[in-house]
């Protein structure tokens, strides 16, 4: 959720409405425009914290708490923690392969039994599916089967990190690395189980520059902590809690950790934002374009944000792109935009008009996402 927003929870597009069939003697409708020019500001969905707005507020002397109060009005400071299970999407194989290291163990998730991994000349260890169980193998000069582990399994490395090999490279992670059966029951997924505080070390600098004003980075840390706990506690992804991509928030493990962001995480340790005593849905994006967008929660309300830098953009959208994205409209004729506040703000919905009175009503965020626009803060200029 850095420059690109979380899109997995956008509102569903409206269905085609008002299909009108002209009489047989009616003349053909006039051809629609070849392109539509849209001009806007901002980058991302605009809901919740604006990262550039938070930086500007921090530079103006606002502390992290005041920044969070503005972007999540009506929320209170709370406490949250525990661990989080992160799907490692870069591991597209069904194997979990880690580098050999001292004090490495493998544990059965079914029985809880653990085995120390000691093998002369060991270079890597691998978990693969063996029916409902898991096969453990070791690589010396070549791969050798070691044992069958009951159920699913995980690697543990006390007092250190684990290097995970994925197609095309490797990455280092804190915590544990699991081989688990996904919700659809097909193959195996790779999941990193790590404390929330250590998880944030790989999130915060991936979402906001670590060297920004410390108060802005602290606000980002609280928002990211709350977001992870909210998703963990309210979504059901099966064997994992959050994605490591913008489907949740970007997580890159140890490679991106920075002293400045680690300090911001430590300064806000355990702090979350709550609403009604529960973790809030603390969405955030790069820039809201000068207005926060409504997000369906009382604390995600549309309001002007004078601190956002309002970075401008222009997009010339071919009519063919609109017709491909929304085929029910037929030959594109025009757009009708509805804002989320009467006086301004983000586009809440778009009516896409076709020939003969045909139109499709679609959520503004869906329109933005399908056409690759930077934000929903836009107007039609030509």
Protein backbone atom coordinates (compact mmCIF):
# COMPACT_ATOMS: atom_id res chain seq x y z
CA UNK A 1 0.00 0.00 0.00
CA UNK A 2 2.80 2.30 -0.84
CA UNK A 3 2.23 3.82 -4.28
CA UNK A 4 -0.50 1.42 -5.20
CA UNK A 5 -3.52 0.73 -3.06
CA UNK A 6 -5.00 -2.33 -1.62
CA UNK A 7 -7.51 -3.46 -4.27
CA UNK A 8 -8.75 -6.79 -2.93
CA UNK A 9 -11.52 -5.12 -0.89
CA UNK A 10 -12.86 -2.55 -3.39
CA UNK A 11 -16.64 -2.28 -3.77
CA UNK A 12 -18.23 -4.44 -6.46
CA UNK A 13 -18.97 -2.87 -9.82
CA UNK A 14 -22.59 -2.02 -10.55
CA UNK A 15 -24.45 -4.12 -13.09
CA UNK A 16 -25.66 -2.76 -16.40
CA UNK A 17 -28.86 -0.73 -15.97
CA UNK A 18 -31.54 0.81 -18.15
CA UNK A 19 -31.02 -1.09 -21.39
CA UNK A 20 -32.97 0.82 -24.04
CA UNK A 21 -33.76 -0.69 -27.43
CA UNK A 22 -34.42 1.92 -30.14
CA UNK A 23 -37.22 1.31 -32.65
CA UNK A 24 -36.30 -0.25 -35.97
CA UNK A 25 -36.66 3.04 -37.87
CA UNK A 26 -34.43 5.00 -35.46
CA UNK A 27 -31.23 6.44 -36.86
CA UNK A 28 -27.93 5.06 -35.61
CA UNK A 29 -26.53 6.92 -32.58
CA UNK A 30 -23.71 9.33 -33.17
CA UNK A 31 -20.25 7.90 -32.75
CA UNK A 32 -18.70 8.50 -29.35
CA UNK A 33 -15.31 10.13 -28.74
CA UNK A 34 -12.11 8.24 -29.52
CA UNK A 35 -10.53 9.26 -26.21
CA UNK A 36 -11.41 10.82 -22.86
CA UNK A 37 -8.98 13.12 -21.04
CA UNK A 38 -9.00 12.90 -17.26
CA UNK A 39 -7.00 15.19 -14.99
CA UNK A 40 -6.52 14.48 -11.33
CA UNK A 41 -4.38 14.61 -8.24
CA UNK A 42 -3.08 12.03 -5.80
CA UNK A 43 -1.83 8.48 -6.04
CA UNK A 44 -3.71 5.54 -4.57
CA UNK A 45 -7.20 5.00 -3.23
CA UNK A 46 -6.99 8.00 -0.88
CA UNK A 47 -8.60 6.31 2.13
CA UNK A 48 -7.11 6.81 5.58
CA UNK A 49 -3.55 8.03 6.02
CA UNK A 50 -1.93 9.93 3.17
CA UNK A 51 1.78 9.16 3.40
CA UNK A 52 2.81 12.43 1.75
CA UNK A 53 0.25 14.27 3.84
CA UNK A 54 1.64 12.67 6.99
CA UNK A 55 5.14 13.79 6.03
CA UNK A 56 3.95 17.37 5.48
CA UNK A 57 2.10 17.38 8.78
CA UNK A 58 5.15 16.02 10.61
CA UNK A 59 7.35 18.67 9.00
CA UNK A 60 4.85 21.28 10.24
CA UNK A 61 5.35 20.03 13.80
CA UNK A 62 2.46 17.62 14.25
CA UNK A 63 3.24 14.52 16.34
CA UNK A 64 2.32 11.04 15.20
CA UNK A 65 -0.76 10.92 17.45
CA UNK A 66 -2.20 14.10 15.90
CA UNK A 67 -1.53 12.77 12.40
CA UNK A 68 -3.41 9.58 13.22
CA UNK A 69 -6.25 11.54 14.83
CA UNK A 70 -6.78 13.43 11.58
CA UNK A 71 -6.65 10.47 9.21
CA UNK A 72 -8.66 8.11 11.44
CA UNK A 73 -11.07 10.47 13.25
CA UNK A 74 -12.95 8.94 16.15
CA UNK A 75 -10.42 6.16 16.74
CA UNK A 76 -8.60 5.69 20.02
CA UNK A 77 -5.17 4.43 20.97
CA UNK A 78 -5.13 0.74 21.88
CA UNK A 79 -2.76 -2.17 22.29
CA UNK A 80 -2.18 -5.11 19.97
CA UNK A 81 0.47 -7.71 19.27
CA UNK A 82 1.06 -11.42 18.91
CA UNK A 83 2.25 -13.00 15.70
CA UNK A 84 1.18 -12.86 12.09
CA UNK A 85 1.31 -15.46 9.32
CA UNK A 86 2.51 -13.96 6.03
CA UNK A 87 2.06 -15.62 2.64
CA UNK A 88 5.35 -15.43 0.71
CA UNK A 89 4.05 -14.95 -2.81
CA UNK A 90 7.50 -15.07 -4.45
CA UNK A 91 7.72 -18.77 -3.65
CA UNK A 92 5.63 -20.07 -6.51
CA UNK A 93 6.87 -23.65 -6.07
CA UNK A 94 5.31 -26.23 -3.76
CA UNK A 95 8.63 -26.72 -1.97
CA UNK A 96 10.07 -24.86 1.01
CA UNK A 97 13.87 -24.72 0.77
CA UNK A 98 16.07 -23.02 3.38
CA UNK A 99 19.81 -22.65 3.82
CA UNK A 100 21.53 -24.81 6.42
CA UNK A 101 22.53 -22.98 9.59
CA UNK A 102 23.33 -23.82 13.18
CA UNK A 103 20.48 -24.45 15.65
CA UNK A 104 18.09 -25.24 12.82
CA UNK A 105 15.06 -27.43 13.59
CA UNK A 106 12.07 -28.81 11.76
CA UNK A 107 8.76 -29.24 13.56
CA UNK A 108 5.57 -31.13 12.81
CA UNK A 109 2.52 -28.91 13.03
CA UNK A 110 0.37 -31.99 13.62
CA UNK A 111 2.22 -33.43 16.62
CA UNK A 112 4.45 -30.60 17.79
CA UNK A 113 7.50 -32.87 17.72
CA UNK A 114 10.72 -31.18 16.56
CA UNK A 115 13.98 -32.57 15.19
CA UNK A 116 17.40 -30.87 15.21
CA UNK A 117 18.87 -30.68 11.73
CA UNK A 118 22.49 -31.79 11.85
CA UNK A 119 24.09 -33.33 8.80
CA UNK A 120 27.73 -33.24 7.80
CA UNK A 121 28.09 -31.29 4.56
CA UNK A 122 24.47 -30.06 4.62
CA UNK A 123 23.84 -27.05 2.36
CA UNK A 124 20.06 -26.82 2.16
CA UNK A 125 16.96 -28.43 3.64
CA UNK A 126 13.67 -28.96 1.82
CA UNK A 127 10.04 -29.66 2.73
CA UNK A 128 7.77 -31.21 0.09
CA UNK A 129 4.27 -32.63 0.21
CA UNK A 130 3.98 -36.36 0.82
CA UNK A 131 0.25 -36.85 0.70
CA UNK A 132 -1.10 -35.25 3.88
CA UNK A 133 2.38 -35.50 5.42
CA UNK A 134 5.66 -33.74 4.60
CA UNK A 135 8.93 -35.13 3.29
CA UNK A 136 12.15 -33.65 4.69
CA UNK A 137 15.20 -33.76 2.42
CA UNK A 138 18.76 -32.49 2.74
CA UNK A 139 21.18 -31.37 0.04
CA UNK A 140 24.84 -32.20 0.38
CA UNK A 141 26.26 -32.98 -3.05
CA UNK A 142 22.73 -34.00 -4.06
CA UNK A 143 19.32 -34.26 -2.42
CA UNK A 144 18.67 -37.08 0.07
CA UNK A 145 15.42 -38.05 1.79
CA UNK A 146 15.73 -37.73 5.58
CA UNK A 147 12.29 -38.57 7.01
CA UNK A 148 8.54 -38.25 6.64
CA UNK A 149 7.08 -35.72 9.07
CA UNK A 150 3.45 -36.13 10.20
CA UNK A 151 1.19 -33.47 8.71
CA UNK A 152 2.45 -30.04 7.70
CA UNK A 153 5.81 -28.77 8.94
CA UNK A 154 7.95 -25.69 9.58
CA UNK A 155 11.60 -24.70 9.87
CA UNK A 156 12.77 -22.89 13.00
CA UNK A 157 16.09 -21.17 13.62
CA UNK A 158 16.56 -20.07 17.21
CA UNK A 159 18.35 -16.79 17.71
CA UNK A 160 18.73 -15.90 14.06
CA UNK A 161 17.17 -15.72 10.65
CA UNK A 162 16.22 -18.11 7.87
CA UNK A 163 17.29 -17.78 4.25
CA UNK A 164 14.46 -18.94 2.01
CA UNK A 165 15.19 -19.94 -1.57
CA UNK A 166 12.53 -18.98 -4.10
CA UNK A 167 12.46 -19.27 -7.90
CA UNK A 168 15.04 -16.78 -9.14
CA UNK A 169 16.65 -15.90 -5.84
CA UNK A 170 16.57 -15.94 -2.04
CA UNK A 171 15.40 -13.75 0.84
CA UNK A 172 16.04 -13.66 4.58
CA UNK A 173 13.23 -13.73 7.14
CA UNK A 174 12.84 -13.67 10.88
CA UNK A 175 10.62 -16.18 12.67
CA UNK A 176 9.55 -19.51 11.18
CA UNK A 177 8.99 -20.73 7.62
CA UNK A 178 6.11 -23.14 7.06
CA UNK A 179 5.03 -25.51 4.33
CA UNK A 180 1.23 -25.48 4.50
CA UNK A 181 -1.74 -26.73 2.51
CA UNK A 182 -3.59 -23.73 1.01
CA UNK A 183 -7.31 -23.19 1.44
CA UNK A 184 -8.04 -24.78 -1.95
CA UNK A 185 -6.18 -27.95 -0.92
CA UNK A 186 -3.88 -27.88 -3.94
CA UNK A 187 -0.08 -28.09 -3.56
CA UNK A 188 1.71 -26.23 -0.76
CA UNK A 189 2.16 -22.57 0.17
CA UNK A 190 5.11 -20.96 1.95
CA UNK A 191 4.22 -18.93 5.04
CA UNK A 192 6.44 -16.84 7.34
CA UNK A 193 5.25 -16.87 10.96
CA UNK A 194 6.73 -13.88 12.78
CA UNK A 195 5.91 -11.55 15.65
CA UNK A 196 3.96 -8.45 14.65
CA UNK A 197 6.80 -6.16 15.78
CA UNK A 198 9.42 -7.98 13.71
CA UNK A 199 7.02 -8.21 10.78
CA UNK A 200 6.74 -4.42 10.80
CA UNK A 201 10.51 -4.11 10.30
CA UNK A 202 9.98 -5.53 6.80
CA UNK A 203 6.82 -3.49 6.13
CA UNK A 204 7.31 0.11 7.29
CA UNK A 205 10.41 0.94 5.14
CA UNK A 206 8.79 -0.82 2.19
CA UNK A 207 5.75 1.44 2.50
CA UNK A 208 7.33 4.78 3.50
CA UNK A 209 10.92 6.08 3.23
CA UNK A 210 12.59 5.28 6.55
CA UNK A 211 14.46 8.60 6.60
CA UNK A 212 11.31 10.71 6.47
CA UNK A 213 10.32 12.75 9.51
CA UNK A 214 10.27 10.34 12.49
CA UNK A 215 6.73 11.41 13.45
CA UNK A 216 5.44 10.48 9.99
CA UNK A 217 7.24 7.12 10.15
CA UNK A 218 5.79 6.49 13.61
CA UNK A 219 2.29 7.21 12.29
CA UNK A 220 2.95 4.76 9.44
CA UNK A 221 4.13 2.14 11.94
CA UNK A 222 0.92 2.41 13.98
CA UNK A 223 -1.23 2.30 10.84
CA UNK A 224 0.65 -0.75 9.50
CA UNK A 225 0.51 -2.55 12.86
CA UNK A 226 -3.22 -1.93 13.16
CA UNK A 227 -3.84 -2.95 9.56
CA UNK A 228 -2.08 -6.30 10.00
CA UNK A 229 -3.90 -7.08 13.24
CA UNK A 230 -7.26 -6.05 11.74
CA UNK A 231 -6.76 -8.35 8.75
CA UNK A 232 -5.47 -11.19 10.93
CA UNK A 233 -8.49 -10.96 13.22
CA UNK A 234 -11.23 -10.38 10.64
CA UNK A 235 -10.24 -12.07 7.37
CA UNK A 236 -10.10 -15.81 6.73
CA UNK A 237 -7.30 -16.69 4.33
CA UNK A 238 -6.91 -20.23 5.63
CA UNK A 239 -3.33 -20.99 6.70
CA UNK A 240 -2.11 -17.38 6.46
CA UNK A 241 -3.23 -13.99 7.76
CA UNK A 242 -1.84 -11.45 5.29
CA UNK A 243 -0.27 -11.27 1.85
CA UNK A 244 3.23 -9.84 1.41
CA UNK A 245 1.98 -7.60 -1.43
CA UNK A 246 -0.35 -4.62 -1.83
CA UNK A 247 -3.23 -7.06 -1.46
CA UNK A 248 -2.46 -6.46 2.21
CA UNK A 249 0.67 -4.34 2.66
CA UNK A 250 4.15 -4.77 1.23
CA UNK A 251 6.47 -7.00 3.29
CA UNK A 252 10.04 -7.71 2.16
CA UNK A 253 11.67 -9.29 5.17
CA UNK A 254 15.11 -8.40 6.47
CA UNK A 255 16.40 -6.94 3.20
CA UNK A 256 14.60 -3.61 3.67
CA UNK A 257 15.07 -3.11 7.43
CA UNK A 258 16.45 0.31 8.37
CA UNK A 259 17.59 1.76 11.73
CA UNK A 260 15.23 4.74 11.40
CA UNK A 261 12.11 2.67 10.74
CA UNK A 262 13.11 0.16 13.42
CA UNK A 263 13.32 3.11 15.84
CA UNK A 264 9.83 4.28 14.83
CA UNK A 265 8.46 0.77 15.38
CA UNK A 266 10.12 0.57 18.80
CA UNK A 267 8.86 4.04 19.78
CA UNK A 268 5.27 2.92 19.09
CA UNK A 269 5.63 -0.70 20.26
CA UNK A 270 2.23 -2.35 20.62
CA UNK A 271 0.26 0.78 19.70
CA UNK A 272 -2.76 0.38 17.43
CA UNK A 273 -5.86 2.39 16.55
CA UNK A 274 -9.22 1.07 17.74
CA UNK A 275 -12.86 1.87 17.06
CA UNK A 276 -15.49 0.54 19.42
CA UNK A 277 -12.71 -1.31 21.25
CA UNK A 278 -11.64 -3.28 18.17
CA UNK A 279 -8.72 -2.76 15.74
CA UNK A 280 -9.64 -0.22 13.06
CA UNK A 281 -9.33 -0.79 9.32
CA UNK A 282 -6.42 1.62 8.93
CA UNK A 283 -6.08 1.85 5.17
CA UNK A 284 -3.42 4.15 3.77
CA UNK A 285 -2.11 5.27 0.41
CA UNK A 286 0.60 7.44 -1.08
CA UNK A 287 -1.37 10.66 -1.65
CA UNK A 288 -5.06 11.50 -1.35
CA UNK A 289 -4.90 14.43 -3.78
CA UNK A 290 -6.14 16.95 -1.23
CA UNK A 291 -9.21 15.04 -0.01
CA UNK A 292 -9.46 11.87 2.01
CA UNK A 293 -11.78 9.39 0.32
CA UNK A 294 -14.75 7.82 2.04
CA UNK A 295 -14.10 4.20 2.93
CA UNK A 296 -17.33 2.82 4.35
CA UNK A 297 -16.31 3.23 8.01
CA UNK A 298 -17.13 6.18 10.31
CA UNK A 299 -13.40 6.86 10.70
CA UNK A 300 -12.74 6.70 6.93
CA UNK A 301 -14.69 9.80 5.98
CA UNK A 302 -14.28 12.14 3.03
CA UNK A 303 -12.71 15.44 4.12
CA UNK A 304 -10.34 18.09 2.71
CA UNK A 305 -6.66 17.56 3.52
CA UNK A 306 -4.72 20.82 3.11
CA UNK A 307 -1.39 19.11 3.86
CA UNK A 308 -1.43 16.65 0.97
CA UNK A 309 0.84 17.90 -1.86
CA UNK A 310 -1.87 17.35 -4.52
CA UNK A 311 0.49 16.03 -7.19
CA UNK A 312 -1.25 16.45 -10.56
CA UNK A 313 -1.61 13.91 -13.34
CA UNK A 314 -3.32 13.64 -16.74
CA UNK A 315 -4.51 10.48 -18.48
CA UNK A 316 -5.78 10.24 -22.05
CA UNK A 317 -7.95 7.11 -22.00
CA UNK A 318 -8.89 5.47 -25.33
CA UNK A 319 -12.57 4.68 -25.72
CA UNK A 320 -11.50 1.15 -26.66
CA UNK A 321 -9.93 0.72 -23.20
CA UNK A 322 -13.21 1.68 -21.53
CA UNK A 323 -15.15 -0.70 -23.80
CA UNK A 324 -12.74 -3.54 -23.02
CA UNK A 325 -12.88 -2.90 -19.26
CA UNK A 326 -16.69 -2.60 -19.24
CA UNK A 327 -17.95 -4.57 -22.26
CA UNK A 328 -21.65 -4.30 -21.31
CA UNK A 329 -21.64 -0.63 -22.32
CA UNK A 330 -21.04 -1.37 -26.00
CA UNK A 331 -19.79 1.61 -28.01
CA UNK A 332 -18.67 4.21 -25.49
CA UNK A 333 -20.44 7.59 -25.62
CA UNK A 334 -19.74 9.54 -22.40
CA UNK A 335 -18.99 9.52 -18.65
CA UNK A 336 -21.01 10.95 -15.77
CA UNK A 337 -19.08 11.35 -12.49
CA UNK A 338 -20.53 11.46 -8.96
CA UNK A 339 -18.28 12.75 -6.15
CA UNK A 340 -18.26 11.41 -2.61
CA UNK A 341 -19.06 14.86 -1.20
CA UNK A 342 -21.24 17.57 -2.79
CA UNK A 343 -18.47 20.17 -2.58
CA UNK A 344 -15.65 18.09 -4.01
CA UNK A 345 -13.57 15.03 -3.28
CA UNK A 346 -13.02 11.67 -4.91
CA UNK A 347 -15.17 10.08 -7.59
CA UNK A 348 -17.57 7.79 -5.74
CA UNK A 349 -19.21 6.34 -8.84
CA UNK A 350 -19.04 6.54 -12.63
CA UNK A 351 -21.88 6.13 -15.09
CA UNK A 352 -20.49 4.88 -18.40
CA UNK A 353 -22.97 5.69 -21.15
CA UNK A 354 -23.29 3.68 -24.33
CA UNK A 355 -25.60 3.92 -27.37
CA UNK A 356 -29.37 4.02 -27.17
CA UNK A 357 -29.58 4.70 -23.44
CA UNK A 358 -27.44 1.77 -22.32
CA UNK A 359 -25.30 2.57 -19.29
CA UNK A 360 -23.19 0.87 -16.64
CA UNK A 361 -22.83 2.24 -13.11
CA UNK A 362 -19.51 1.34 -11.49
CA UNK A 363 -17.74 2.16 -8.24
CA UNK A 364 -15.09 4.87 -8.64
CA UNK A 365 -12.30 2.71 -7.25
CA UNK A 366 -13.18 -0.12 -9.66
CA UNK A 367 -13.09 2.36 -12.56
CA UNK A 368 -9.70 3.66 -11.38
CA UNK A 369 -8.26 0.18 -10.96
CA UNK A 370 -9.42 -1.25 -14.27
CA UNK A 371 -8.17 1.71 -16.29
CA UNK A 372 -4.91 2.13 -14.37
CA UNK A 373 -5.57 5.65 -13.13
CA UNK A 374 -3.42 7.00 -10.32
CA UNK A 375 -6.35 7.92 -8.06
CA UNK A 376 -10.10 8.49 -7.90
CA UNK A 377 -9.52 12.24 -7.45
CA UNK A 378 -10.17 13.25 -11.07
CA UNK A 379 -12.40 15.17 -13.45
CA UNK A 380 -13.09 14.90 -17.16
CA UNK A 381 -11.60 17.76 -19.17
CA UNK A 382 -12.08 16.57 -22.74
